[in-house]
Amino acid sequence: MPDIKRISKEDQAGLPKFQNQEEAIGYFEKTYGEKFVFEESIETEEGNCHFYRLITDEEAYIKGITELNANGHVGLAFMDSYQPVKISENGDIQIAH
């Protein structure tokens, strides 16, 4: 599968208004498939937040994960290989640009 284009601020503005976390996650999973990967979940004052990575450069991402597991650090190419996406319990989306 070819690399995926990063989500721009304009793209984000055009996303549907999600009613809840499940609806937002379902949209991203359907749209991006296995390029949309779960990172972690944390409890905040606003409720449960899920953090995902939208992999935009699969080759650099896999290489970076391998380096991280092998020696505990990553390079800039790894950091640029994905776009962080935060999904709040109420369906609000925050995307790093």
N, C-alpha and C. Protein backbone atom coordinates (compact mmCIF):
# COMPACT_ATOMS: atom_id res chain seq x y z
N MET A 1 0.85 -1.19 0.00
CA MET A 1 0.00 0.00 0.00
C MET A 1 0.89 1.25 0.00
N PRO A 2 0.60 2.23 -0.82
CA PRO A 2 1.44 3.43 -0.88
C PRO A 2 1.33 4.26 0.41
N ASP A 3 2.32 5.13 0.58
CA ASP A 3 2.30 6.00 1.75
C ASP A 3 1.06 6.88 1.72
N ILE A 4 0.66 7.32 2.90
CA ILE A 4 -0.53 8.15 3.06
C ILE A 4 -0.11 9.60 3.28
N LYS A 5 -0.87 10.50 2.69
CA LYS A 5 -0.64 11.94 2.85
C LYS A 5 -1.04 12.35 4.27
N ARG A 6 -0.25 13.23 4.87
CA ARG A 6 -0.58 13.76 6.18
C ARG A 6 -1.90 14.52 6.12
N ILE A 7 -2.62 14.54 7.22
CA ILE A 7 -3.88 15.28 7.30
C ILE A 7 -3.55 16.75 7.55
N SER A 8 -3.94 17.61 6.63
CA SER A 8 -3.69 19.05 6.77
C SER A 8 -4.75 19.68 7.68
N LYS A 9 -4.51 20.92 8.07
CA LYS A 9 -5.52 21.64 8.86
C LYS A 9 -6.82 21.77 8.08
N GLU A 10 -6.68 21.98 6.76
CA GLU A 10 -7.87 22.07 5.91
C GLU A 10 -8.62 20.74 5.86
N ASP A 11 -7.86 19.64 5.73
CA ASP A 11 -8.48 18.31 5.74
C ASP A 11 -9.20 18.08 7.07
N GLN A 12 -8.55 18.47 8.15
CA GLN A 12 -9.14 18.27 9.48
C GLN A 12 -10.44 19.06 9.61
N ALA A 13 -10.46 20.28 9.08
CA ALA A 13 -11.66 21.11 9.16
C ALA A 13 -12.83 20.46 8.41
N GLY A 14 -12.52 19.62 7.42
CA GLY A 14 -13.56 18.96 6.64
C GLY A 14 -14.02 17.63 7.19
N LEU A 15 -13.43 17.19 8.31
CA LEU A 15 -13.84 15.92 8.90
C LEU A 15 -15.25 16.03 9.47
N PRO A 16 -15.98 14.92 9.52
CA PRO A 16 -17.30 14.95 10.14
C PRO A 16 -17.20 15.32 11.63
N LYS A 17 -18.29 15.79 12.20
CA LYS A 17 -18.36 16.04 13.65
C LYS A 17 -18.77 14.72 14.29
N PHE A 18 -17.87 14.15 15.08
CA PHE A 18 -18.12 12.85 15.68
C PHE A 18 -18.89 13.01 17.00
N GLN A 19 -19.82 12.11 17.22
CA GLN A 19 -20.65 12.17 18.43
C GLN A 19 -19.94 11.56 19.64
N ASN A 20 -19.00 10.65 19.38
CA ASN A 20 -18.28 9.99 20.48
C ASN A 20 -16.99 9.38 19.95
N GLN A 21 -16.23 8.83 20.88
CA GLN A 21 -14.93 8.25 20.57
C GLN A 21 -15.04 7.08 19.59
N GLU A 22 -16.01 6.21 19.80
CA GLU A 22 -16.16 5.03 18.96
C GLU A 22 -16.43 5.42 17.51
N GLU A 23 -17.26 6.44 17.31
CA GLU A 23 -17.57 6.90 15.95
C GLU A 23 -16.32 7.45 15.27
N ALA A 24 -15.53 8.23 16.00
CA ALA A 24 -14.30 8.80 15.45
C ALA A 24 -13.29 7.71 15.10
N ILE A 25 -13.08 6.79 16.02
CA ILE A 25 -12.13 5.70 15.79
C ILE A 25 -12.57 4.88 14.59
N GLY A 26 -13.86 4.57 14.50
CA GLY A 26 -14.38 3.80 13.38
C GLY A 26 -14.14 4.50 12.05
N TYR A 27 -14.32 5.81 12.02
CA TYR A 27 -14.09 6.58 10.80
C TYR A 27 -12.63 6.47 10.35
N PHE A 28 -11.71 6.69 11.29
CA PHE A 28 -10.29 6.66 10.94
C PHE A 28 -9.84 5.25 10.56
N GLU A 29 -10.35 4.23 11.26
CA GLU A 29 -9.98 2.85 10.92
C GLU A 29 -10.50 2.48 9.53
N LYS A 30 -11.72 2.91 9.19
CA LYS A 30 -12.27 2.61 7.87
C LYS A 30 -11.52 3.38 6.79
N THR A 31 -11.17 4.63 7.07
CA THR A 31 -10.51 5.47 6.08
C THR A 31 -9.06 5.07 5.85
N TYR A 32 -8.33 4.74 6.93
CA TYR A 32 -6.89 4.52 6.83
C TYR A 32 -6.45 3.08 7.08
N GLY A 33 -7.35 2.23 7.49
CA GLY A 33 -7.02 0.82 7.69
C GLY A 33 -5.87 0.61 8.66
N GLU A 34 -4.94 -0.28 8.29
CA GLU A 34 -3.85 -0.63 9.20
C GLU A 34 -2.80 0.47 9.32
N LYS A 35 -2.95 1.56 8.57
CA LYS A 35 -2.04 2.71 8.71
C LYS A 35 -2.41 3.55 9.94
N PHE A 36 -3.57 3.28 10.54
CA PHE A 36 -4.05 3.99 11.72
C PHE A 36 -3.88 3.05 12.91
N VAL A 37 -2.84 3.29 13.72
CA VAL A 37 -2.50 2.34 14.78
C VAL A 37 -2.63 2.96 16.17
N PHE A 38 -3.12 2.16 17.09
CA PHE A 38 -3.30 2.57 18.48
C PHE A 38 -1.95 2.71 19.16
N GLU A 39 -1.79 3.79 19.93
CA GLU A 39 -0.55 4.00 20.68
C GLU A 39 -0.79 3.78 22.16
N GLU A 40 -1.70 4.56 22.75
CA GLU A 40 -1.99 4.40 24.17
C GLU A 40 -3.30 5.09 24.52
N SER A 41 -3.78 4.80 25.72
CA SER A 41 -5.00 5.40 26.24
C SER A 41 -4.69 5.95 27.63
N ILE A 42 -5.17 7.16 27.92
CA ILE A 42 -4.96 7.73 29.25
C ILE A 42 -6.25 8.35 29.77
N GLU A 43 -6.37 8.41 31.08
CA GLU A 43 -7.49 9.08 31.72
C GLU A 43 -7.13 10.54 31.95
N THR A 44 -8.04 11.43 31.57
CA THR A 44 -7.85 12.86 31.81
C THR A 44 -9.07 13.38 32.55
N GLU A 45 -9.05 14.66 32.91
CA GLU A 45 -10.21 15.26 33.57
C GLU A 45 -11.44 15.19 32.68
N GLU A 46 -11.23 15.23 31.36
CA GLU A 46 -12.35 15.19 30.42
C GLU A 46 -12.79 13.76 30.11
N GLY A 47 -12.11 12.78 30.64
CA GLY A 47 -12.45 11.38 30.37
C GLY A 47 -11.29 10.65 29.71
N ASN A 48 -11.62 9.52 29.11
CA ASN A 48 -10.62 8.66 28.49
C ASN A 48 -10.21 9.21 27.12
N CYS A 49 -8.90 9.33 26.87
CA CYS A 49 -8.38 9.79 25.58
C CYS A 49 -7.55 8.68 24.96
N HIS A 50 -7.76 8.48 23.66
CA HIS A 50 -6.97 7.50 22.92
C HIS A 50 -6.01 8.24 22.00
N PHE A 51 -4.78 7.75 21.97
CA PHE A 51 -3.76 8.32 21.10
C PHE A 51 -3.44 7.29 20.01
N TYR A 52 -3.44 7.77 18.79
CA TYR A 52 -3.17 6.93 17.62
C TYR A 52 -2.04 7.54 16.81
N ARG A 53 -1.51 6.74 15.91
CA ARG A 53 -0.51 7.20 14.95
C ARG A 53 -1.04 6.90 13.56
N LEU A 54 -1.08 7.92 12.72
CA LEU A 54 -1.40 7.73 11.31
C LEU A 54 -0.06 7.60 10.60
N ILE A 55 0.26 6.40 10.16
CA ILE A 55 1.57 6.14 9.54
C ILE A 55 1.55 6.69 8.12
N THR A 56 2.43 7.65 7.89
CA THR A 56 2.50 8.30 6.58
C THR A 56 3.69 7.81 5.75
N ASP A 57 4.68 7.20 6.39
CA ASP A 57 5.84 6.64 5.69
C ASP A 57 6.16 5.30 6.36
N GLU A 58 5.57 4.25 5.81
CA GLU A 58 5.65 2.94 6.45
C GLU A 58 7.08 2.43 6.58
N GLU A 59 7.89 2.61 5.56
CA GLU A 59 9.26 2.13 5.60
C GLU A 59 10.05 2.80 6.74
N ALA A 60 9.97 4.12 6.86
CA ALA A 60 10.67 4.84 7.93
C ALA A 60 10.09 4.49 9.29
N TYR A 61 8.79 4.26 9.37
CA TYR A 61 8.15 3.90 10.63
C TYR A 61 8.66 2.54 11.13
N ILE A 62 8.66 1.56 10.25
CA ILE A 62 9.12 0.21 10.63
C ILE A 62 10.60 0.25 11.03
N LYS A 63 11.41 0.96 10.26
CA LYS A 63 12.83 1.09 10.60
C LYS A 63 13.00 1.76 11.97
N GLY A 64 12.22 2.81 12.23
CA GLY A 64 12.30 3.51 13.51
C GLY A 64 11.87 2.65 14.69
N ILE A 65 10.80 1.90 14.53
CA ILE A 65 10.34 1.00 15.60
C ILE A 65 11.40 -0.06 15.88
N THR A 66 12.01 -0.58 14.82
CA THR A 66 13.08 -1.58 14.98
C THR A 66 14.25 -0.98 15.75
N GLU A 67 14.68 0.24 15.39
CA GLU A 67 15.78 0.92 16.09
C GLU A 67 15.41 1.19 17.56
N LEU A 68 14.17 1.63 17.78
CA LEU A 68 13.72 1.91 19.16
C LEU A 68 13.80 0.64 20.01
N ASN A 69 13.32 -0.46 19.47
CA ASN A 69 13.35 -1.72 20.22
C ASN A 69 14.77 -2.23 20.43
N ALA A 70 15.66 -1.96 19.47
CA ALA A 70 17.03 -2.47 19.55
C ALA A 70 17.91 -1.64 20.48
N ASN A 71 17.81 -0.30 20.39
CA ASN A 71 18.75 0.51 21.17
C ASN A 71 18.11 1.66 21.96
N GLY A 72 16.78 1.73 21.96
CA GLY A 72 16.10 2.67 22.83
C GLY A 72 16.02 4.11 22.34
N HIS A 73 16.45 4.38 21.12
CA HIS A 73 16.31 5.74 20.61
C HIS A 73 15.92 5.70 19.14
N VAL A 74 15.38 6.83 18.68
CA VAL A 74 14.93 6.93 17.29
C VAL A 74 15.48 8.19 16.66
N GLY A 75 15.47 8.20 15.34
CA GLY A 75 15.92 9.37 14.61
C GLY A 75 14.75 10.23 14.17
N LEU A 76 15.08 11.35 13.57
CA LEU A 76 14.08 12.29 13.10
C LEU A 76 13.19 11.68 12.02
N ALA A 77 13.74 10.81 11.19
CA ALA A 77 12.95 10.17 10.13
C ALA A 77 11.78 9.40 10.73
N PHE A 78 12.00 8.75 11.87
CA PHE A 78 10.91 8.02 12.53
C PHE A 78 9.84 9.00 13.01
N MET A 79 10.26 10.09 13.62
CA MET A 79 9.30 11.06 14.16
C MET A 79 8.47 11.67 13.03
N ASP A 80 9.03 11.77 11.84
CA ASP A 80 8.31 12.33 10.69
C ASP A 80 7.51 11.27 9.93
N SER A 81 7.59 10.01 10.36
CA SER A 81 6.94 8.94 9.61
C SER A 81 5.48 8.72 10.00
N TYR A 82 5.02 9.44 11.01
CA TYR A 82 3.63 9.31 11.43
C TYR A 82 3.10 10.64 11.93
N GLN A 83 1.78 10.71 11.99
CA GLN A 83 1.10 11.92 12.46
C GLN A 83 0.27 11.54 13.68
N PRO A 84 0.55 12.15 14.86
CA PRO A 84 -0.22 11.82 16.05
C PRO A 84 -1.67 12.32 15.96
N VAL A 85 -2.59 11.47 16.42
CA VAL A 85 -4.01 11.80 16.45
C VAL A 85 -4.53 11.48 17.84
N LYS A 86 -5.14 12.47 18.49
CA LYS A 86 -5.74 12.28 19.81
C LYS A 86 -7.26 12.32 19.65
N ILE A 87 -7.92 11.30 20.20
CA ILE A 87 -9.38 11.22 20.13
C ILE A 87 -9.93 11.21 21.55
N SER A 88 -10.70 12.23 21.87
CA SER A 88 -11.30 12.35 23.20
C SER A 88 -12.58 11.53 23.30
N GLU A 89 -13.00 11.28 24.52
CA GLU A 89 -14.19 10.46 24.77
C GLU A 89 -15.43 11.02 24.07
N ASN A 90 -15.52 12.35 23.98
CA ASN A 90 -16.69 12.98 23.37
C ASN A 90 -16.60 13.07 21.84
N GLY A 91 -15.54 12.51 21.24
CA GLY A 91 -15.39 12.51 19.80
C GLY A 91 -14.55 13.65 19.25
N ASP A 92 -14.06 14.54 20.12
CA ASP A 92 -13.19 15.61 19.66
C ASP A 92 -11.87 15.04 19.17
N ILE A 93 -11.35 15.65 18.10
CA ILE A 93 -10.12 15.18 17.46
C ILE A 93 -9.07 16.27 17.55
N GLN A 94 -7.85 15.88 17.89
CA GLN A 94 -6.70 16.77 17.81
C GLN A 94 -5.64 16.07 16.96
N ILE A 95 -5.20 16.74 15.90
CA ILE A 95 -4.21 16.15 14.99
C ILE A 95 -2.99 17.07 14.98
N ALA A 96 -1.81 16.49 15.21
CA ALA A 96 -0.56 17.28 15.16
C ALA A 96 -0.26 17.63 13.72
N HIS A 97 0.03 18.90 13.49
CA HIS A 97 0.33 19.36 12.12
C HIS A 97 1.76 19.82 12.02
